[in-house]
Protein backbone atom coordinates (compact mmCIF):
# COMPACT_ATOMS: atom_id res chain seq x y z
CA MET A 1 9.27 85.76 25.41
CA PRO A 2 10.00 85.36 21.22
CA GLN A 3 8.51 87.95 18.99
CA TYR A 4 6.87 87.35 15.84
CA THR A 5 5.67 89.28 12.90
CA TYR A 6 2.54 88.33 11.63
CA GLN A 7 0.39 89.46 7.86
CA ALA A 8 -3.32 87.74 8.31
CA VAL A 9 -6.86 88.30 6.68
CA ASP A 10 -9.94 89.93 9.55
CA ASN A 11 -13.33 89.11 8.57
CA LYS A 12 -13.72 91.68 5.95
CA ASN A 13 -10.98 89.79 4.17
CA LYS A 14 -8.96 93.24 5.20
CA ARG A 15 -5.07 92.43 4.95
CA VAL A 16 -3.76 93.44 8.57
CA LYS A 17 0.04 93.29 10.01
CA GLY A 18 1.78 93.33 13.42
CA PHE A 19 3.61 92.08 15.92
CA LEU A 20 2.88 89.82 18.97
CA SER A 21 4.92 87.91 21.62
CA ALA A 22 3.76 83.77 22.59
CA HIS A 23 5.80 80.89 23.68
CA THR A 24 5.81 79.39 19.91
CA LEU A 25 5.20 79.47 16.29
CA GLY A 26 2.04 77.58 17.23
CA ASP A 27 1.01 79.36 19.67
CA ALA A 28 1.13 82.82 17.84
CA GLU A 29 -1.06 81.38 14.90
CA GLY A 30 -4.24 80.39 18.02
CA GLN A 31 -3.34 84.23 19.36
CA LEU A 32 -4.30 85.40 16.12
CA ARG A 33 -7.39 82.39 15.70
CA GLU A 34 -8.63 83.36 19.04
CA MET A 35 -8.52 87.85 17.67
CA GLY A 36 -10.39 86.42 14.02
CA LEU A 37 -7.71 86.71 12.38
CA TYR A 38 -6.86 84.27 9.26
CA PRO A 39 -3.06 83.63 9.47
CA ILE A 40 -1.19 84.10 5.94
CA SER A 41 2.24 84.75 7.54
CA VAL A 42 4.05 84.08 11.04
CA GLN A 43 7.80 85.03 11.13
CA ALA A 44 10.40 85.11 14.59
CA LYS A 45 11.49 88.55 14.29
CA ALA A 46 15.19 88.65 14.17
CA SER A 47 17.39 89.72 16.60
CA GLY A 48 20.89 90.42 16.79
CA LYS A 49 23.49 89.67 14.90
CA SER A 50 21.00 86.59 13.09
CA GLY A 51 19.41 89.31 11.92
CA GLY A 52 18.51 90.91 8.37
CA PHE A 53 21.69 92.05 7.53
CA LEU A 54 23.64 88.78 8.39
CA SER A 55 21.28 86.65 6.75
CA ARG A 56 21.38 88.90 3.14
CA LYS A 57 25.25 87.26 2.64
CA VAL A 58 24.29 83.12 2.73
CA THR A 59 24.05 82.65 -1.09
CA GLY A 60 21.43 79.79 -3.12
CA LYS A 61 24.65 77.50 -3.02
CA ASP A 62 24.69 77.68 0.51
CA LEU A 63 21.53 76.94 1.40
CA LEU A 64 21.61 73.81 -1.20
CA SER A 65 25.18 73.12 0.41
CA PHE A 66 23.09 73.04 3.52
CA THR A 67 20.40 70.83 2.60
CA ILE A 68 22.09 67.80 0.87
CA GLN A 69 24.35 67.28 3.63
CA LEU A 70 21.62 67.62 6.45
CA HIS A 71 19.39 64.95 4.39
CA LEU A 72 22.12 63.13 3.81
CA MET A 73 23.23 62.68 8.11
CA PHE A 74 19.35 62.44 8.94
CA THR A 75 18.96 59.73 6.54
CA ALA A 76 22.40 58.06 7.63
CA GLY A 77 20.70 58.20 11.13
CA LEU A 78 22.17 60.67 12.97
CA PRO A 79 20.02 62.72 15.39
CA LEU A 80 19.28 66.49 14.02
CA LEU A 81 20.77 68.90 15.97
CA GLN A 82 23.38 67.05 15.80
CA SER A 83 23.53 66.80 12.25
CA LEU A 84 23.26 70.78 12.31
CA GLN A 85 25.97 71.11 14.82
CA THR A 86 28.52 68.58 12.60
CA ILE A 87 27.29 70.81 9.32
CA GLY A 88 27.92 74.23 11.25
CA GLU A 89 31.35 72.79 12.42
CA GLN A 90 32.14 72.55 8.77
CA GLU A 91 30.12 75.44 7.41
CA LYS A 92 33.05 77.69 5.91
CA ASN A 93 30.34 80.89 5.71
CA PRO A 94 30.84 82.75 8.82
CA LYS A 95 27.50 84.21 8.02
CA PHE A 96 26.02 80.92 7.72
CA LYS A 97 28.04 79.56 10.01
CA GLU A 98 26.17 81.59 12.90
CA VAL A 99 22.99 81.47 11.46
CA ILE A 100 23.27 77.19 12.06
CA GLY A 101 24.63 77.92 15.26
CA ASP A 102 21.33 80.31 16.14
CA ILE A 103 19.53 77.56 15.26
CA CYS A 104 20.65 74.90 16.84
CA LYS A 105 19.96 76.50 19.94
CA LYS A 106 16.03 77.25 19.43
CA ILE A 107 16.22 73.85 18.65
CA GLU A 108 17.56 73.02 22.15
CA THR A 109 14.81 75.96 24.04
CA THR A 110 11.98 74.95 21.09
CA GLY A 111 12.27 72.12 20.30
CA SER A 112 10.95 72.73 16.74
CA PHE A 113 12.90 72.50 13.28
CA SER A 114 10.72 74.56 11.80
CA GLU A 115 10.37 77.54 14.31
CA ALA A 116 14.06 78.18 14.47
CA LEU A 117 14.21 77.95 10.50
CA ALA A 118 11.49 81.22 11.08
CA ALA A 119 13.81 83.64 12.39
CA HIS A 120 15.65 83.83 9.78
CA PRO A 121 13.13 84.04 6.63
CA ARG A 122 15.78 86.01 4.75
CA VAL A 123 17.52 83.09 4.59
CA PHE A 124 14.98 80.14 4.42
CA PRO A 125 12.11 81.75 1.71
CA PRO A 126 8.73 80.68 2.81
CA PHE A 127 8.11 77.86 0.45
CA TYR A 128 10.69 76.00 2.10
CA LEU A 129 9.95 76.87 6.07
CA GLY A 130 6.28 75.61 4.79
CA ALA A 131 7.56 72.65 3.84
CA VAL A 132 9.36 71.74 6.36
CA ARG A 133 6.99 72.55 8.81
CA ALA A 134 4.70 69.95 6.77
CA GLY A 135 7.69 67.48 6.49
CA GLU A 136 8.11 67.44 10.69
CA SER A 137 4.63 67.97 11.64
CA GLY A 138 3.79 64.52 9.94
CA GLY A 139 6.66 62.42 10.09
CA THR A 140 7.83 63.03 6.87
CA LEU A 141 11.20 65.10 7.02
CA PRO A 142 13.74 63.53 5.52
CA GLU A 143 11.83 62.79 1.88
CA ILE A 144 10.87 66.87 2.87
CA LEU A 145 15.07 67.83 2.74
CA GLU A 146 15.33 65.21 -0.43
CA GLU A 147 12.47 67.31 -2.41
CA LEU A 148 14.29 70.41 -1.29
CA ALA A 149 17.53 69.92 -2.64
CA GLU A 150 16.28 68.77 -5.67
CA SER A 151 14.56 71.28 -5.86
CA LEU A 152 16.83 73.94 -4.96
CA GLU A 153 19.29 72.48 -7.40
CA LYS A 154 16.92 72.85 -9.79
CA GLN A 155 15.99 76.17 -9.89
CA GLY A 156 19.62 77.03 -9.32
CA GLU A 157 20.42 75.87 -12.58
CA LEU A 158 17.85 77.25 -14.38
CA GLN A 159 18.84 80.70 -13.06
CA ALA A 160 22.54 79.73 -13.80
CA GLU A 161 22.10 79.19 -17.42
CA LEU A 162 19.51 81.95 -18.23
CA LYS A 163 22.86 84.07 -16.76
CA GLN A 164 24.80 82.52 -18.81
CA ALA A 165 22.86 83.10 -21.66
CA LEU A 166 22.64 86.52 -21.08
CA MET A 167 26.71 87.55 -20.23
CA TYR A 168 27.42 87.28 -24.17
CA PRO A 169 24.60 90.00 -25.52
CA VAL A 170 25.81 91.97 -22.88
CA MET A 171 29.73 91.79 -23.17
CA ILE A 172 29.04 92.78 -27.25
CA MET A 173 27.08 95.94 -25.75
CA CYS A 174 29.44 97.20 -23.46
CA VAL A 175 32.24 96.11 -25.50
CA MET A 176 30.48 97.91 -28.73
CA SER A 177 29.46 100.81 -26.51
CA ALA A 178 32.81 101.28 -24.94
CA VAL A 179 34.64 101.20 -28.23
CA THR A 180 31.62 104.21 -30.04
CA GLY A 181 32.38 106.14 -26.57
CA PHE A 182 36.26 106.60 -27.17
CA TYR A 183 35.89 107.42 -31.16
CA ALA A 184 33.33 109.94 -30.24
CA PHE A 185 34.18 111.84 -27.03
CA TYR A 186 37.95 111.15 -27.28
CA LEU A 187 39.41 110.62 -31.27
CA MET A 188 36.43 112.80 -33.55
CA PRO A 189 37.41 116.41 -31.21
CA LYS A 190 40.87 115.46 -32.20
CA MET A 191 40.32 114.95 -35.70
CA MET A 192 38.24 117.74 -36.01
CA LYS A 193 40.34 120.20 -34.88
CA LEU A 194 42.62 119.17 -37.22
CA VAL A 195 40.01 119.82 -40.16
CA GLU A 196 39.11 122.89 -39.09
CA GLU A 197 42.86 123.88 -38.74
CA LEU A 198 43.48 122.78 -42.53
CA GLY A 199 40.91 125.03 -43.38
CA ALA A 200 38.08 122.60 -45.08
CA PRO A 201 34.69 122.63 -44.86
CA ILE A 202 33.18 120.67 -42.35
CA PRO A 203 28.94 119.27 -43.64
CA PHE A 204 26.17 120.07 -41.51
CA TYR A 205 25.56 116.42 -40.28
CA THR A 206 29.26 116.00 -38.62
CA ARG A 207 28.21 119.65 -37.17
CA ALA A 208 25.10 118.32 -36.33
CA ILE A 209 26.90 115.53 -34.44
CA GLN A 210 29.43 117.09 -32.96
CA TRP A 211 27.30 120.11 -31.65
CA ILE A 212 25.48 116.43 -29.79
CA ILE A 213 28.68 114.93 -28.52
CA ASN A 214 30.21 118.69 -27.40
CA THR A 215 26.28 119.18 -25.35
CA ILE A 216 26.93 115.66 -23.22
CA MET A 217 30.41 116.52 -22.70
CA GLY A 218 29.72 120.05 -21.03
CA LEU A 219 26.53 118.53 -18.98
CA TRP A 220 28.03 115.00 -17.75
CA LEU A 221 27.96 116.41 -14.28
CA PRO A 222 24.19 117.40 -14.58
CA LEU A 223 23.53 113.82 -16.82
CA VAL A 224 25.12 111.54 -14.19
CA VAL A 225 23.62 113.30 -10.78
CA LEU A 226 20.12 112.95 -13.01
CA PHE A 227 21.12 109.09 -13.60
CA ILE A 228 21.88 108.58 -10.53
CA GLY A 229 18.36 110.59 -8.90
CA GLY A 230 16.35 108.70 -11.17
CA PHE A 231 18.11 105.02 -10.21
CA ILE A 232 17.46 106.24 -6.55
CA ALA A 233 13.66 107.85 -7.64
CA LEU A 234 13.50 104.18 -8.92
CA LEU A 235 14.25 102.59 -6.09
CA ILE A 236 12.36 104.76 -3.63
CA TYR A 237 9.17 103.89 -5.91
CA ARG A 238 9.91 99.99 -6.36
CA LYS A 239 9.42 99.74 -2.44
CA THR A 240 5.93 101.02 -2.95
CA GLU A 241 2.93 98.92 -3.40
CA SER A 242 1.61 100.55 -6.23
CA GLY A 243 5.21 100.66 -7.32
CA ALA A 244 5.96 97.20 -7.42
CA TYR A 245 3.33 96.41 -9.23
CA THR A 246 3.42 98.87 -11.74
CA LEU A 247 7.41 97.66 -12.20
CA SER A 248 6.21 93.94 -11.82
CA TYR A 249 3.96 94.78 -14.57
CA LEU A 250 5.81 96.49 -16.78
CA LYS A 251 8.58 93.85 -16.46
CA LEU A 252 5.87 90.84 -17.90
CA LYS A 253 5.29 93.17 -20.92
CA PHE A 254 8.97 94.22 -21.75
CA PRO A 255 9.66 94.21 -24.89
CA LEU A 256 11.68 90.48 -25.92
CA PHE A 257 12.15 89.50 -22.10
CA GLY A 258 8.68 90.04 -21.29
CA SER A 259 7.97 86.83 -22.30
CA VAL A 260 10.91 85.19 -20.45
CA VAL A 261 9.94 87.09 -17.28
CA GLN A 262 6.55 85.48 -17.51
CA LYS A 263 7.65 81.64 -17.82
CA SER A 264 10.17 82.18 -15.74
CA VAL A 265 7.47 83.26 -12.65
CA LEU A 266 4.79 80.67 -13.90
CA CYS A 267 7.54 78.01 -13.34
CA ASP A 268 8.20 79.18 -10.47
CA PHE A 269 4.72 79.00 -9.32
CA SER A 270 3.94 75.57 -10.84
CA HIS A 271 7.41 73.94 -9.37
CA TYR A 272 6.72 75.57 -5.28
CA LEU A 273 3.21 74.87 -5.27
CA SER A 274 3.76 71.06 -6.12
CA LEU A 275 6.34 71.21 -3.44
CA LEU A 276 4.41 71.71 -1.06
CA LEU A 277 1.14 70.15 -2.24
CA ARG A 278 3.06 67.26 -1.95
CA SER A 279 4.77 67.52 1.45
CA GLY A 280 1.20 67.45 3.21
CA PHE A 281 0.01 71.68 2.98
CA GLY A 282 -3.54 72.06 1.97
CA LEU A 283 -4.15 74.62 -1.23
CA LEU A 284 -4.48 77.73 0.62
CA PRO A 285 -2.15 77.30 2.53
CA SER A 286 0.31 76.43 0.02
CA LEU A 287 -0.68 79.94 -2.44
CA ASP A 288 0.08 81.53 0.92
CA LEU A 289 3.61 80.49 0.87
CA VAL A 290 4.07 80.90 -2.51
CA LYS A 291 3.05 84.51 -2.72
CA GLY A 292 5.92 85.10 -0.59
CA THR A 293 8.23 83.56 -3.20
CA ILE A 294 7.39 83.96 -6.39
CA GLY A 295 8.22 87.69 -6.47
CA ASN A 296 6.38 89.31 -8.95
CA LYS A 297 3.95 91.30 -8.26
CA THR A 298 0.91 90.91 -10.01
CA VAL A 299 0.70 87.86 -10.03
CA VAL A 300 0.73 87.70 -6.69
CA ARG A 301 -2.79 89.66 -7.10
CA SER A 302 -3.53 86.87 -9.08
CA VAL A 303 -2.63 84.35 -6.09
CA GLU A 304 -4.59 86.05 -3.74
CA THR A 305 -7.88 86.93 -6.39
CA ILE A 306 -7.81 82.73 -6.88
CA GLN A 307 -7.94 82.41 -3.22
CA GLU A 308 -10.42 84.49 -3.00
CA ARG A 309 -12.94 83.15 -5.25
CA ILE A 310 -11.50 78.99 -3.86
CA LYS A 311 -13.01 80.74 -0.76
CA ARG A 312 -16.23 81.65 -2.34
CA GLY A 313 -16.55 77.90 -3.43
CA GLU A 314 -14.97 78.20 -6.96
CA SER A 315 -12.83 74.81 -8.27
CA PHE A 316 -8.67 75.97 -8.08
CA ALA A 317 -8.98 75.53 -12.12
CA ASP A 318 -12.11 77.67 -12.20
CA SER A 319 -10.43 80.50 -9.81
CA MET A 320 -7.68 80.81 -12.24
CA LYS A 321 -10.06 81.81 -15.48
CA GLY A 322 -9.67 85.27 -16.88
CA LEU A 323 -6.64 85.82 -14.72
CA PRO A 324 -2.87 86.02 -16.52
CA PHE A 325 -2.52 81.75 -16.45
CA PRO A 326 -2.25 79.91 -19.96
CA GLY A 327 -5.21 77.49 -20.68
CA PHE A 328 -2.95 74.50 -21.05
CA MET A 329 -2.71 74.90 -17.32
CA ILE A 330 -5.55 75.42 -16.43
CA THR A 331 -6.52 72.63 -18.33
CA MET A 332 -4.34 70.50 -16.71
CA ILE A 333 -5.43 71.25 -12.80
CA ALA A 334 -8.75 70.77 -13.71
CA LEU A 335 -7.47 67.13 -14.62
CA GLY A 336 -5.60 66.92 -11.64
CA GLU A 337 -8.87 67.64 -9.58
CA GLN A 338 -10.90 65.03 -11.20
CA THR A 339 -8.11 62.74 -10.43
CA GLY A 340 -7.42 63.83 -7.48
CA ARG A 341 -3.43 64.06 -8.56
CA VAL A 342 -3.04 68.45 -8.48
CA ALA A 343 -0.09 68.31 -7.49
CA GLU A 344 1.69 65.75 -9.93
CA GLN A 345 -0.34 67.75 -13.00
CA LEU A 346 1.73 71.24 -11.47
CA ALA A 347 5.06 68.53 -11.73
CA LEU A 348 4.17 68.39 -15.19
CA VAL A 349 3.15 71.90 -16.31
CA ASN A 350 6.45 72.90 -14.34
CA GLY A 351 8.76 70.40 -16.06
CA TYR A 352 6.93 71.67 -19.64
CA PHE A 353 7.80 75.46 -18.24
CA GLU A 354 11.54 75.10 -17.43
CA LYS A 355 11.68 73.60 -20.78
CA ASP A 356 9.81 76.53 -22.57
CA VAL A 357 11.84 79.04 -20.44
CA ARG A 358 15.40 78.13 -22.14
CA ARG A 359 13.84 77.58 -25.64
CA THR A 360 12.56 81.36 -24.92
CA THR A 361 15.28 82.78 -23.96
CA LYS A 362 17.57 80.95 -26.80
CA LYS A 363 15.10 82.42 -29.17
CA VAL A 364 14.80 85.74 -27.69
CA LEU A 365 18.72 85.87 -27.58
CA THR A 366 19.16 84.80 -31.20
CA MET A 367 17.45 87.74 -31.58
CA LEU A 368 18.95 90.35 -29.43
CA GLU A 369 22.58 89.84 -30.90
CA PRO A 370 21.74 90.83 -34.51
CA LEU A 371 19.83 94.03 -33.16
CA ILE A 372 22.55 94.40 -30.51
CA LEU A 373 25.21 94.64 -33.69
CA VAL A 374 22.89 96.63 -35.96
CA VAL A 375 21.78 99.74 -33.29
CA PHE A 376 25.67 100.16 -32.23
CA GLY A 377 26.88 99.29 -35.48
CA GLY A 378 24.98 101.84 -36.92
CA ILE A 379 25.31 104.62 -34.36
CA SER A 380 29.07 103.76 -34.71
CA ALA A 381 29.02 104.00 -38.58
CA VAL A 382 27.26 107.36 -38.97
CA ILE A 383 29.59 108.94 -36.14
CA LEU A 384 32.70 107.29 -38.44
CA LEU A 385 31.53 108.28 -42.00
CA SER A 386 30.73 112.18 -40.66
CA THR A 387 33.94 111.71 -39.55
CA PHE A 388 35.90 110.50 -42.65
CA PHE A 389 34.31 112.90 -45.09
CA PRO A 390 35.52 115.83 -43.79
CA MET A 391 39.28 114.37 -43.32
CA TYR A 392 38.97 112.94 -47.05
CA ASN A 393 38.22 116.56 -48.25
CA ALA A 394 40.89 118.12 -45.74
CA MET A 395 43.69 116.09 -48.02
CA GLY A 396 42.61 116.87 -50.76
CA THR A 397 42.95 120.54 -49.45
CA MET A 398 46.66 119.24 -49.24
CA LYS A 399 47.11 118.53 -52.12
């Protein structure tokens, strides 16, 4: 009998986790309700080769290509299982090929596409599973697959643009760091040795810089160990609940890039929530699925607060007040609640945030590039001048 992992809330609103055995995903959810629990997330446990290590190797591009092909074949009239088998035969990524093969086997056993996908939670994110489940139960799977393909393509393009925009300043930093490091740790010591041999005086500020460089060179091994140890400690801290929340909060407040991160998270939130609502999911289940997708723990806690307020009888818009959501977004959602078009209003909000993320990123990079040049240029200038004056004096003594 298949094993399922679950997250649920009891009648005291306390979150509980565990696993249980059930024939299907629906049976697992039914068992939880019989136990007096409200299911938040129920997923089939991955096993064998189809587990976590395998799933991590499947990229967003693989998932997009899979979704587009499946939509086209399914819309053309090819049965679901045959469509999946055809895609699996043509798939070039061996990891994803095996995942698709496992999905086909599970469909033959259970007959449920969404349950087969749920066995691979690291390949298919929560919003994807939720949308497929809604499309499967409502008979609108072709339309849902089309929506998912558009969604993945749009989000992929935005992420690619952000990465590409960051490449130039990162390259500038790397090149200037390499040049400055080469001069400071290789050329400068040789030049200062020559100055000393010529008997020319070395100014105090040059000796101070020399002392800093010599200290770094003498302690390079402890510094490397300290850096690696700090990095590992940060990774461990990040896995704790308090650590994940603290780091997520710092990302939102980080100078320059904090606004980009915040708007990007809100962009994802409005996008995925709109997609799930259009798929036919209710608001509370949609919020549950969105929590597993947006990634930022600070915003996840805000979503949990929204859910608690909605359960107490507040409207969606009112439940967002006092939380890190902009006023115009709350106003748009309130308007959507009045007209019964919350999903459509969220789509408009998402369109605004997409453009705003691009604008903000461009603005931040416009500020960042000269800042990098000033900082690294200043460091390089100080080192160069601290070398130039002693060399100039040394040449004077030779005359």
